[in-house]
Amino acid sequence: MRKKINKAVAFSLNFPSYLKIKAMRKHLNLFAAVIFIAFSAFLCESNNPSEILLDADCFDSSKIKHDAACIALYNPVCGCDNKTYGNSCEAINSGILKFTSGECK
């Protein structure tokens, strides 16, 4: 035969367990948020091949001119960084020291 238990008493007996579960869920959510933010920070890094460190005889950052104007003539050149530039003026103003005529392959 089952004992009749007062529902209020049963709830009060389980209440500490409920609080522990609620606290664990809160901590788990916080932990998940921290992990998400930590991994998201690494997504900002670019693995663009054009950002590979180039030799000093290929690229000179002091030669970069963002405000220089080049003619709008498409005469492609392939820079030593293996990137195609619209013309030699664009390559030179990007700091590229060596380039060949034609698109990169």
PDB file of N, CA and C in Angstrom:
ATOM      1  N   MET A   1       0.830  -1.169   0.000  1.00  0.00           N
ATOM      2  CA  MET A   1       0.000   0.000   0.000  1.00  0.00           C
ATOM      3  C   MET A   1       0.891   1.255   0.000  1.00  0.00           C
ATOM      4  N   ARG A   2       0.544   2.187  -0.827  1.00  0.00           N
ATOM      5  CA  ARG A   2       1.311   3.425  -0.926  1.00  0.00           C
ATOM      6  C   ARG A   2       0.927   4.386   0.179  1.00  0.00           C
ATOM      7  N   LYS A   3       1.938   5.122   0.585  1.00  0.00           N
ATOM      8  CA  LYS A   3       1.704   6.179   1.553  1.00  0.00           C
ATOM      9  C   LYS A   3       1.260   7.423   0.820  1.00  0.00           C
ATOM     10  N   LYS A   4       0.335   8.118   1.357  1.00  0.00           N
ATOM     11  CA  LYS A   4      -0.081   9.388   0.781  1.00  0.00           C
ATOM     12  C   LYS A   4       0.887  10.452   1.265  1.00  0.00           C
ATOM     13  N   ILE A   5       1.417  11.193   0.295  1.00  0.00           N
ATOM     14  CA  ILE A   5       2.376  12.246   0.624  1.00  0.00           C
ATOM     15  C   ILE A   5       1.754  13.583   0.273  1.00  0.00           C
ATOM     16  N   ASN A   6       1.884  14.480   1.162  1.00  0.00           N
ATOM     17  CA  ASN A   6       1.391  15.830   0.931  1.00  0.00           C
ATOM     18  C   ASN A   6       2.211  16.445  -0.210  1.00  0.00           C
ATOM     19  N   LYS A   7       1.556  17.008  -1.232  1.00  0.00           N
ATOM     20  CA  LYS A   7       2.251  17.564  -2.400  1.00  0.00           C
ATOM     21  C   LYS A   7       3.169  18.714  -2.013  1.00  0.00           C
ATOM     22  N   ALA A   8       2.800  19.501  -1.082  1.00  0.00           N
ATOM     23  CA  ALA A   8       3.640  20.613  -0.631  1.00  0.00           C
ATOM     24  C   ALA A   8       4.929  20.100  -0.018  1.00  0.00           C
ATOM     25  N   VAL A   9       4.845  19.010   0.726  1.00  0.00           N
ATOM     26  CA  VAL A   9       6.036  18.413   1.335  1.00  0.00           C
ATOM     27  C   VAL A   9       6.916  17.812   0.248  1.00  0.00           C
ATOM     28  N   ALA A  10       6.317  17.149  -0.714  1.00  0.00           N
ATOM     29  CA  ALA A  10       7.080  16.539  -1.806  1.00  0.00           C
ATOM     30  C   ALA A  10       7.817  17.602  -2.605  1.00  0.00           C
ATOM     31  N   PHE A  11       7.158  18.726  -2.869  1.00  0.00           N
ATOM     32  CA  PHE A  11       7.805  19.810  -3.605  1.00  0.00           C
ATOM     33  C   PHE A  11       8.969  20.384  -2.814  1.00  0.00           C
ATOM     34  N   SER A  12       8.779  20.562  -1.526  1.00  0.00           N
ATOM     35  CA  SER A  12       9.859  21.136  -0.717  1.00  0.00           C
ATOM     36  C   SER A  12      11.040  20.183  -0.618  1.00  0.00           C
ATOM     37  N   LEU A  13      10.805  18.897  -0.724  1.00  0.00           N
ATOM     38  CA  LEU A  13      11.907  17.932  -0.693  1.00  0.00           C
ATOM     39  C   LEU A  13      12.711  17.988  -2.000  1.00  0.00           C
ATOM     40  N   ASN A  14      12.046  18.261  -3.115  1.00  0.00           N
ATOM     41  CA  ASN A  14      12.703  18.303  -4.419  1.00  0.00           C
ATOM     42  C   ASN A  14      13.193  19.703  -4.777  1.00  0.00           C
ATOM     43  N   PHE A  15      12.809  20.693  -4.027  1.00  0.00           N
ATOM     44  CA  PHE A  15      13.157  22.062  -4.352  1.00  0.00           C
ATOM     45  C   PHE A  15      14.663  22.307  -4.409  1.00  0.00           C
ATOM     46  N   PRO A  16      15.480  21.806  -3.462  1.00  0.00           N
ATOM     47  CA  PRO A  16      16.936  22.003  -3.584  1.00  0.00           C
ATOM     48  C   PRO A  16      17.503  21.383  -4.857  1.00  0.00           C
ATOM     49  N   SER A  17      16.985  20.243  -5.250  1.00  0.00           N
ATOM     50  CA  SER A  17      17.452  19.612  -6.495  1.00  0.00           C
ATOM     51  C   SER A  17      17.098  20.473  -7.692  1.00  0.00           C
ATOM     52  N   TYR A  18      15.906  21.054  -7.653  1.00  0.00           N
ATOM     53  CA  TYR A  18      15.469  21.934  -8.737  1.00  0.00           C
ATOM     54  C   TYR A  18      16.398  23.141  -8.842  1.00  0.00           C
ATOM     55  N   LEU A  19      16.783  23.706  -7.720  1.00  0.00           N
ATOM     56  CA  LEU A  19      17.684  24.857  -7.732  1.00  0.00           C
ATOM     57  C   LEU A  19      19.058  24.480  -8.287  1.00  0.00           C
ATOM     58  N   LYS A  20      19.523  23.292  -7.947  1.00  0.00           N
ATOM     59  CA  LYS A  20      20.820  22.842  -8.460  1.00  0.00           C
ATOM     60  C   LYS A  20      20.761  22.682  -9.973  1.00  0.00           C
ATOM     61  N   ILE A  21      19.693  22.111 -10.469  1.00  0.00           N
ATOM     62  CA  ILE A  21      19.546  21.923 -11.916  1.00  0.00           C
ATOM     63  C   ILE A  21      19.463  23.279 -12.615  1.00  0.00           C
ATOM     64  N   LYS A  22      18.711  24.190 -12.026  1.00  0.00           N
ATOM     65  CA  LYS A  22      18.581  25.530 -12.611  1.00  0.00           C
ATOM     66  C   LYS A  22      19.941  26.234 -12.641  1.00  0.00           C
ATOM     67  N   ALA A  23      20.719  26.109 -11.578  1.00  0.00           N
ATOM     68  CA  ALA A  23      22.046  26.724 -11.519  1.00  0.00           C
ATOM     69  C   ALA A  23      22.986  26.079 -12.532  1.00  0.00           C
ATOM     70  N   MET A  24      22.884  24.748 -12.672  1.00  0.00           N
ATOM     71  CA  MET A  24      23.736  24.058 -13.644  1.00  0.00           C
ATOM     72  C   MET A  24      23.403  24.509 -15.063  1.00  0.00           C
ATOM     73  N   ARG A  25      22.134  24.687 -15.364  1.00  0.00           N
ATOM     74  CA  ARG A  25      21.740  25.148 -16.695  1.00  0.00           C
ATOM     75  C   ARG A  25      22.273  26.556 -16.961  1.00  0.00           C
ATOM     76  N   LYS A  26      22.200  27.411 -15.951  1.00  0.00           N
ATOM     77  CA  LYS A  26      22.709  28.770 -16.092  1.00  0.00           C
ATOM     78  C   LYS A  26      24.209  28.749 -16.373  1.00  0.00           C
ATOM     79  N   HIS A  27      24.938  27.923 -15.640  1.00  0.00           N
ATOM     80  CA  HIS A  27      26.385  27.814 -15.847  1.00  0.00           C
ATOM     81  C   HIS A  27      26.707  27.199 -17.205  1.00  0.00           C
ATOM     82  N   LEU A  28      25.914  26.228 -17.618  1.00  0.00           N
ATOM     83  CA  LEU A  28      26.125  25.598 -18.917  1.00  0.00           C
ATOM     84  C   LEU A  28      25.898  26.603 -20.037  1.00  0.00           C
ATOM     85  N   ASN A  29      24.867  27.417 -19.924  1.00  0.00           N
ATOM     86  CA  ASN A  29      24.611  28.458 -20.936  1.00  0.00           C
ATOM     87  C   ASN A  29      25.745  29.468 -20.973  1.00  0.00           C
ATOM     88  N   LEU A  30      26.233  29.864 -19.813  1.00  0.00           N
ATOM     89  CA  LEU A  30      27.350  30.803 -19.744  1.00  0.00           C
ATOM     90  C   LEU A  30      28.605  30.195 -20.369  1.00  0.00           C
ATOM     91  N   PHE A  31      28.863  28.940 -20.056  1.00  0.00           N
ATOM     92  CA  PHE A  31      30.022  28.240 -20.619  1.00  0.00           C
ATOM     93  C   PHE A  31      29.917  28.164 -22.143  1.00  0.00           C
ATOM     94  N   ALA A  32      28.735  27.832 -22.648  1.00  0.00           N
ATOM     95  CA  ALA A  32      28.527  27.749 -24.100  1.00  0.00           C
ATOM     96  C   ALA A  32      28.744  29.108 -24.759  1.00  0.00           C
ATOM     97  N   ALA A  33      28.286  30.182 -24.115  1.00  0.00           N
ATOM     98  CA  ALA A  33      28.468  31.523 -24.667  1.00  0.00           C
ATOM     99  C   ALA A  33      29.942  31.902 -24.720  1.00  0.00           C
ATOM    100  N   VAL A  34      30.689  31.573 -23.675  1.00  0.00           N
ATOM    101  CA  VAL A  34      32.126  31.875 -23.650  1.00  0.00           C
ATOM    102  C   VAL A  34      32.855  31.104 -24.742  1.00  0.00           C
ATOM    103  N   ILE A  35      32.529  29.834 -24.912  1.00  0.00           N
ATOM    104  CA  ILE A  35      33.154  29.023 -25.966  1.00  0.00           C
ATOM    105  C   ILE A  35      32.819  29.590 -27.339  1.00  0.00           C
ATOM    106  N   PHE A  36      31.571  29.972 -27.557  1.00  0.00           N
ATOM    107  CA  PHE A  36      31.165  30.548 -28.841  1.00  0.00           C
ATOM    108  C   PHE A  36      31.946  31.826 -29.140  1.00  0.00           C
ATOM    109  N   ILE A  37      32.070  32.695 -28.166  1.00  0.00           N
ATOM    110  CA  ILE A  37      32.799  33.954 -28.364  1.00  0.00           C
ATOM    111  C   ILE A  37      34.271  33.690 -28.637  1.00  0.00           C
ATOM    112  N   ALA A  38      34.849  32.735 -27.916  1.00  0.00           N
ATOM    113  CA  ALA A  38      36.266  32.417 -28.114  1.00  0.00           C
ATOM    114  C   ALA A  38      36.521  31.905 -29.526  1.00  0.00           C
ATOM    115  N   PHE A  39      35.674  31.021 -30.022  1.00  0.00           N
ATOM    116  CA  PHE A  39      35.863  30.499 -31.370  1.00  0.00           C
ATOM    117  C   PHE A  39      35.530  31.538 -32.433  1.00  0.00           C
ATOM    118  N   SER A  40      34.575  32.410 -32.149  1.00  0.00           N
ATOM    119  CA  SER A  40      34.208  33.462 -33.105  1.00  0.00           C
ATOM    120  C   SER A  40      35.344  34.450 -33.308  1.00  0.00           C
ATOM    121  N   ALA A  41      36.142  34.656 -32.290  1.00  0.00           N
ATOM    122  CA  ALA A  41      37.255  35.600 -32.405  1.00  0.00           C
ATOM    123  C   ALA A  41      38.246  35.156 -33.471  1.00  0.00           C
ATOM    124  N   PHE A  42      38.410  33.853 -33.637  1.00  0.00           N
ATOM    125  CA  PHE A  42      39.354  33.350 -34.625  1.00  0.00           C
ATOM    126  C   PHE A  42      38.803  33.410 -36.036  1.00  0.00           C
ATOM    127  N   LEU A  43      37.496  33.581 -36.185  1.00  0.00           N
ATOM    128  CA  LEU A  43      36.902  33.674 -37.519  1.00  0.00           C
ATOM    129  C   LEU A  43      37.232  35.000 -38.186  1.00  0.00           C
ATOM    130  N   CYS A  44      37.637  35.974 -37.408  1.00  0.00           N
ATOM    131  CA  CYS A  44      37.963  37.284 -37.954  1.00  0.00           C
ATOM    132  C   CYS A  44      39.290  37.284 -38.694  1.00  0.00           C
ATOM    133  N   GLU A  45      40.116  36.304 -38.409  1.00  0.00           N
ATOM    134  CA  GLU A  45      41.413  36.249 -39.071  1.00  0.00           C
ATOM    135  C   GLU A  45      41.226  35.813 -40.515  1.00  0.00           C
ATOM    136  N   SER A  46      41.936  36.444 -41.409  1.00  0.00           N
ATOM    137  CA  SER A  46      41.841  36.120 -42.819  1.00  0.00           C
ATOM    138  C   SER A  46      43.009  35.223 -43.220  1.00  0.00           C
ATOM    139  N   ASN A  47      42.699  34.222 -44.000  1.00  0.00           N
ATOM    140  CA  ASN A  47      43.737  33.348 -44.534  1.00  0.00           C
ATOM    141  C   ASN A  47      43.905  33.609 -46.017  1.00  0.00           C
ATOM    142  N   ASN A  48      43.845  34.865 -46.380  1.00  0.00           N
ATOM    143  CA  ASN A  48      43.957  35.281 -47.761  1.00  0.00           C
ATOM    144  C   ASN A  48      45.383  35.036 -48.256  1.00  0.00           C
ATOM    145  N   PRO A  49      45.567  34.291 -49.350  1.00  0.00           N
ATOM    146  CA  PRO A  49      46.912  34.004 -49.845  1.00  0.00           C
ATOM    147  C   PRO A  49      47.701  35.252 -50.215  1.00  0.00           C
ATOM    148  N   SER A  50      47.020  36.344 -50.534  1.00  0.00           N
ATOM    149  CA  SER A  50      47.740  37.565 -50.898  1.00  0.00           C
ATOM    150  C   SER A  50      48.380  38.229 -49.683  1.00  0.00           C
ATOM    151  N   GLU A  51      48.007  37.775 -48.473  1.00  0.00           N
ATOM    152  CA  GLU A  51      48.583  38.346 -47.267  1.00  0.00           C
ATOM    153  C   GLU A  51      49.797  37.570 -46.765  1.00  0.00           C
ATOM    154  N   ILE A  52      50.275  36.634 -47.552  1.00  0.00           N
ATOM    155  CA  ILE A  52      51.459  35.871 -47.189  1.00  0.00           C
ATOM    156  C   ILE A  52      52.658  36.819 -47.194  1.00  0.00           C
ATOM    157  N   LEU A  53      53.541  36.656 -46.244  1.00  0.00           N
ATOM    158  CA  LEU A  53      54.724  37.514 -46.202  1.00  0.00           C
ATOM    159  C   LEU A  53      55.529  37.346 -47.480  1.00  0.00           C
ATOM    160  N   LEU A  54      55.858  38.460 -48.096  1.00  0.00           N
ATOM    161  CA  LEU A  54      56.574  38.449 -49.367  1.00  0.00           C
ATOM    162  C   LEU A  54      58.016  38.871 -49.151  1.00  0.00           C
ATOM    163  N   ASP A  55      58.875  38.459 -50.067  1.00  0.00           N
ATOM    164  CA  ASP A  55      60.288  38.834 -49.999  1.00  0.00           C
ATOM    165  C   ASP A  55      60.437  40.341 -50.167  1.00  0.00           C
ATOM    166  N   ALA A  56      61.535  40.865 -49.661  1.00  0.00           N
ATOM    167  CA  ALA A  56      61.808  42.298 -49.746  1.00  0.00           C
ATOM    168  C   ALA A  56      62.020  42.747 -51.188  1.00  0.00           C
ATOM    169  N   ASP A  57      62.443  41.837 -52.062  1.00  0.00           N
ATOM    170  CA  ASP A  57      62.642  42.217 -53.459  1.00  0.00           C
ATOM    171  C   ASP A  57      61.350  42.128 -54.272  1.00  0.00           C
ATOM    172  N   CYS A  58      60.256  41.728 -53.631  1.00  0.00           N
ATOM    173  CA  CYS A  58      58.958  41.617 -54.299  1.00  0.00           C
ATOM    174  C   CYS A  58      58.009  42.723 -53.858  1.00  0.00           C
ATOM    175  N   PHE A  59      58.014  43.037 -52.583  1.00  0.00           N
ATOM    176  CA  PHE A  59      57.021  43.946 -52.024  1.00  0.00           C
ATOM    177  C   PHE A  59      57.687  44.940 -51.078  1.00  0.00           C
ATOM    178  N   ASP A  60      57.282  46.195 -51.189  1.00  0.00           N
ATOM    179  CA  ASP A  60      57.788  47.238 -50.302  1.00  0.00           C
ATOM    180  C   ASP A  60      56.594  48.051 -49.804  1.00  0.00           C
ATOM    181  N   SER A  61      56.290  47.918 -48.510  1.00  0.00           N
ATOM    182  CA  SER A  61      55.114  48.593 -47.958  1.00  0.00           C
ATOM    183  C   SER A  61      55.235  50.116 -48.004  1.00  0.00           C
ATOM    184  N   SER A  62      56.444  50.633 -48.059  1.00  0.00           N
ATOM    185  CA  SER A  62      56.606  52.094 -48.120  1.00  0.00           C
ATOM    186  C   SER A  62      56.206  52.646 -49.496  1.00  0.00           C
ATOM    187  N   LYS A  63      56.069  51.781 -50.482  1.00  0.00           N
ATOM    188  CA  LYS A  63      55.687  52.204 -51.838  1.00  0.00           C
ATOM    189  C   LYS A  63      54.173  52.214 -52.052  1.00  0.00           C
ATOM    190  N   ILE A  64      53.407  51.772 -51.064  1.00  0.00           N
ATOM    191  CA  ILE A  64      51.950  51.735 -51.212  1.00  0.00           C
ATOM    192  C   ILE A  64      51.406  53.159 -51.218  1.00  0.00           C
ATOM    193  N   LYS A  65      50.599  53.444 -52.245  1.00  0.00           N
ATOM    194  CA  LYS A  65      49.986  54.772 -52.392  1.00  0.00           C
ATOM    195  C   LYS A  65      48.486  54.577 -52.583  1.00  0.00           C
ATOM    196  N   HIS A  66      47.721  54.808 -51.522  1.00  0.00           N
ATOM    197  CA  HIS A  66      46.269  54.625 -51.594  1.00  0.00           C
ATOM    198  C   HIS A  66      45.577  55.753 -52.351  1.00  0.00           C
ATOM    199  N   ASP A  67      46.193  56.916 -52.377  1.00  0.00           N
ATOM    200  CA  ASP A  67      45.545  58.068 -53.007  1.00  0.00           C
ATOM    201  C   ASP A  67      46.033  58.331 -54.431  1.00  0.00           C
ATOM    202  N   ALA A  68      46.878  57.461 -54.967  1.00  0.00           N
ATOM    203  CA  ALA A  68      47.392  57.658 -56.322  1.00  0.00           C
ATOM    204  C   ALA A  68      46.321  57.300 -57.354  1.00  0.00           C
ATOM    205  N   ALA A  69      46.315  58.022 -58.453  1.00  0.00           N
ATOM    206  CA  ALA A  69      45.353  57.776 -59.530  1.00  0.00           C
ATOM    207  C   ALA A  69      46.046  57.046 -60.671  1.00  0.00           C
ATOM    208  N   CYS A  70      45.384  56.021 -61.168  1.00  0.00           N
ATOM    209  CA  CYS A  70      45.899  55.265 -62.319  1.00  0.00           C
ATOM    210  C   CYS A  70      44.891  55.369 -63.457  1.00  0.00           C
ATOM    211  N   ILE A  71      45.397  55.251 -64.679  1.00  0.00           N
ATOM    212  CA  ILE A  71      44.497  55.281 -65.832  1.00  0.00           C
ATOM    213  C   ILE A  71      43.614  54.030 -65.809  1.00  0.00           C
ATOM    214  N   ALA A  72      42.433  54.148 -66.372  1.00  0.00           N
ATOM    215  CA  ALA A  72      41.477  53.045 -66.380  1.00  0.00           C
ATOM    216  C   ALA A  72      41.658  52.181 -67.626  1.00  0.00           C
ATOM    217  N   LEU A  73      42.884  51.818 -67.907  1.00  0.00           N
ATOM    218  CA  LEU A  73      43.207  50.974 -69.054  1.00  0.00           C
ATOM    219  C   LEU A  73      43.530  49.577 -68.537  1.00  0.00           C
ATOM    220  N   TYR A  74      42.813  48.578 -69.059  1.00  0.00           N
ATOM    221  CA  TYR A  74      43.062  47.205 -68.605  1.00  0.00           C
ATOM    222  C   TYR A  74      44.188  46.605 -69.426  1.00  0.00           C
ATOM    223  N   ASN A  75      45.329  46.505 -68.815  1.00  0.00           N
ATOM    224  CA  ASN A  75      46.517  45.891 -69.405  1.00  0.00           C
ATOM    225  C   ASN A  75      47.133  45.053 -68.284  1.00  0.00           C
ATOM    226  N   PRO A  76      46.565  43.847 -68.032  1.00  0.00           N
ATOM    227  CA  PRO A  76      46.893  43.087 -66.827  1.00  0.00           C
ATOM    228  C   PRO A  76      48.373  42.738 -66.686  1.00  0.00           C
ATOM    229  N   VAL A  77      48.816  42.757 -65.449  1.00  0.00           N
ATOM    230  CA  VAL A  77      50.162  42.313 -65.101  1.00  0.00           C
ATOM    231  C   VAL A  77      50.046  41.350 -63.933  1.00  0.00           C
ATOM    232  N   CYS A  78      50.982  40.416 -63.859  1.00  0.00           N
ATOM    233  CA  CYS A  78      51.016  39.442 -62.783  1.00  0.00           C
ATOM    234  C   CYS A  78      52.129  39.843 -61.820  1.00  0.00           C
ATOM    235  N   GLY A  79      51.733  40.176 -60.600  1.00  0.00           N
ATOM    236  CA  GLY A  79      52.715  40.574 -59.601  1.00  0.00           C
ATOM    237  C   GLY A  79      53.461  39.379 -59.042  1.00  0.00           C
ATOM    238  N   CYS A  80      54.602  39.640 -58.428  1.00  0.00           N
ATOM    239  CA  CYS A  80      55.394  38.566 -57.836  1.00  0.00           C
ATOM    240  C   CYS A  80      54.665  37.911 -56.664  1.00  0.00           C
ATOM    241  N   ASP A  81      53.545  38.496 -56.221  1.00  0.00           N
ATOM    242  CA  ASP A  81      52.712  37.890 -55.182  1.00  0.00           C
ATOM    243  C   ASP A  81      51.651  36.973 -55.783  1.00  0.00           C
ATOM    244  N   ASN A  82      51.749  36.728 -57.098  1.00  0.00           N
ATOM    245  CA  ASN A  82      50.851  35.856 -57.855  1.00  0.00           C
ATOM    246  C   ASN A  82      49.419  36.400 -57.866  1.00  0.00           C
ATOM    247  N   LYS A  83      49.294  37.717 -57.896  1.00  0.00           N
ATOM    248  CA  LYS A  83      48.000  38.373 -57.982  1.00  0.00           C
ATOM    249  C   LYS A  83      47.970  39.211 -59.251  1.00  0.00           C
ATOM    250  N   THR A  84      46.843  39.147 -59.982  1.00  0.00           N
ATOM    251  CA  THR A  84      46.695  39.914 -61.213  1.00  0.00           C
ATOM    252  C   THR A  84      46.240  41.329 -60.884  1.00  0.00           C
ATOM    253  N   TYR A  85      46.938  42.307 -61.436  1.00  0.00           N
ATOM    254  CA  TYR A  85      46.603  43.731 -61.277  1.00  0.00           C
ATOM    255  C   TYR A  85      46.112  44.247 -62.612  1.00  0.00           C
ATOM    256  N   GLY A  86      45.231  45.241 -62.598  1.00  0.00           N
ATOM    257  CA  GLY A  86      44.635  45.789 -63.820  1.00  0.00           C
ATOM    258  C   GLY A  86      45.647  46.381 -64.779  1.00  0.00           C
ATOM    259  N   ASN A  87      46.708  46.977 -64.258  1.00  0.00           N
ATOM    260  CA  ASN A  87      47.800  47.508 -65.078  1.00  0.00           C
ATOM    261  C   ASN A  87      49.018  47.715 -64.179  1.00  0.00           C
ATOM    262  N   SER A  88      50.117  48.119 -64.778  1.00  0.00           N
ATOM    263  CA  SER A  88      51.359  48.271 -64.021  1.00  0.00           C
ATOM    264  C   SER A  88      51.248  49.369 -62.963  1.00  0.00           C
ATOM    265  N   CYS A  89      50.460  50.391 -63.239  1.00  0.00           N
ATOM    266  CA  CYS A  89      50.286  51.479 -62.274  1.00  0.00           C
ATOM    267  C   CYS A  89      49.651  50.954 -60.983  1.00  0.00           C
ATOM    268  N   GLU A  90      48.631  50.108 -61.113  1.00  0.00           N
ATOM    269  CA  GLU A  90      47.983  49.530 -59.936  1.00  0.00           C
ATOM    270  C   GLU A  90      48.947  48.652 -59.150  1.00  0.00           C
ATOM    271  N   ALA A  91      49.773  47.904 -59.860  1.00  0.00           N
ATOM    272  CA  ALA A  91      50.741  47.035 -59.187  1.00  0.00           C
ATOM    273  C   ALA A  91      51.775  47.863 -58.423  1.00  0.00           C
ATOM    274  N   ILE A  92      52.290  48.884 -59.060  1.00  0.00           N
ATOM    275  CA  ILE A  92      53.308  49.739 -58.423  1.00  0.00           C
ATOM    276  C   ILE A  92      52.729  50.447 -57.203  1.00  0.00           C
ATOM    277  N   ASN A  93      51.506  50.974 -57.324  1.00  0.00           N
ATOM    278  CA  ASN A  93      50.881  51.677 -56.203  1.00  0.00           C
ATOM    279  C   ASN A  93      50.444  50.728 -55.089  1.00  0.00           C
ATOM    280  N   SER A  94      50.445  49.436 -55.354  1.00  0.00           N
ATOM    281  CA  SER A  94      50.158  48.437 -54.319  1.00  0.00           C
ATOM    282  C   SER A  94      51.434  47.970 -53.628  1.00  0.00           C
ATOM    283  N   GLY A  95      52.570  48.520 -54.027  1.00  0.00           N
ATOM    284  CA  GLY A  95      53.837  48.182 -53.391  1.00  0.00           C
ATOM    285  C   GLY A  95      54.562  47.016 -54.038  1.00  0.00           C
ATOM    286  N   ILE A  96      54.079  46.549 -55.180  1.00  0.00           N
ATOM    287  CA  ILE A  96      54.708  45.427 -55.872  1.00  0.00           C
ATOM    288  C   ILE A  96      55.899  45.952 -56.672  1.00  0.00           C
ATOM    289  N   LEU A  97      57.046  45.307 -56.478  1.00  0.00           N
ATOM    290  CA  LEU A  97      58.269  45.751 -57.144  1.00  0.00           C
ATOM    291  C   LEU A  97      58.540  45.007 -58.438  1.00  0.00           C
ATOM    292  N   LYS A  98      58.088  43.766 -58.536  1.00  0.00           N
ATOM    293  CA  LYS A  98      58.325  42.957 -59.744  1.00  0.00           C
ATOM    294  C   LYS A  98      57.000  42.416 -60.255  1.00  0.00           C
ATOM    295  N   PHE A  99      56.834  42.493 -61.559  1.00  0.00           N
ATOM    296  CA  PHE A  99      55.650  41.937 -62.187  1.00  0.00           C
ATOM    297  C   PHE A  99      55.941  41.619 -63.639  1.00  0.00           C
ATOM    298  N   THR A 100      55.108  40.735 -64.207  1.00  0.00           N
ATOM    299  CA  THR A 100      55.256  40.355 -65.614  1.00  0.00           C
ATOM    300  C   THR A 100      53.962  40.714 -66.342  1.00  0.00           C
ATOM    301  N   SER A 101      54.071  40.888 -67.644  1.00  0.00           N
ATOM    302  CA  SER A 101      52.920  41.231 -68.455  1.00  0.00           C
ATOM    303  C   SER A 101      51.959  40.046 -68.547  1.00  0.00           C
ATOM    304  N   GLY A 102      50.682  40.321 -68.480  1.00  0.00           N
ATOM    305  CA  GLY A 102      49.666  39.261 -68.607  1.00  0.00           C
ATOM    306  C   GLY A 102      49.106  38.871 -67.245  1.00  0.00           C
ATOM    307  N   GLU A 103      47.977  38.147 -67.319  1.00  0.00           N
ATOM    308  CA  GLU A 103      47.307  37.683 -66.110  1.00  0.00           C
ATOM    309  C   GLU A 103      48.084  36.537 -65.462  1.00  0.00           C
ATOM    310  N   CYS A 104      47.917  36.393 -64.169  1.00  0.00           N
ATOM    311  CA  CYS A 104      48.527  35.273 -63.454  1.00  0.00           C
ATOM    312  C   CYS A 104      47.780  33.987 -63.809  1.00  0.00           C
ATOM    313  N   LYS A 105      48.490  32.908 -63.797  1.00  0.00           N
ATOM    314  CA  LYS A 105      47.865  31.613 -64.133  1.00  0.00           C
ATOM    315  C   LYS A 105      47.619  30.815 -62.895  1.00  0.00           C
TER     316      LYS A 105
END
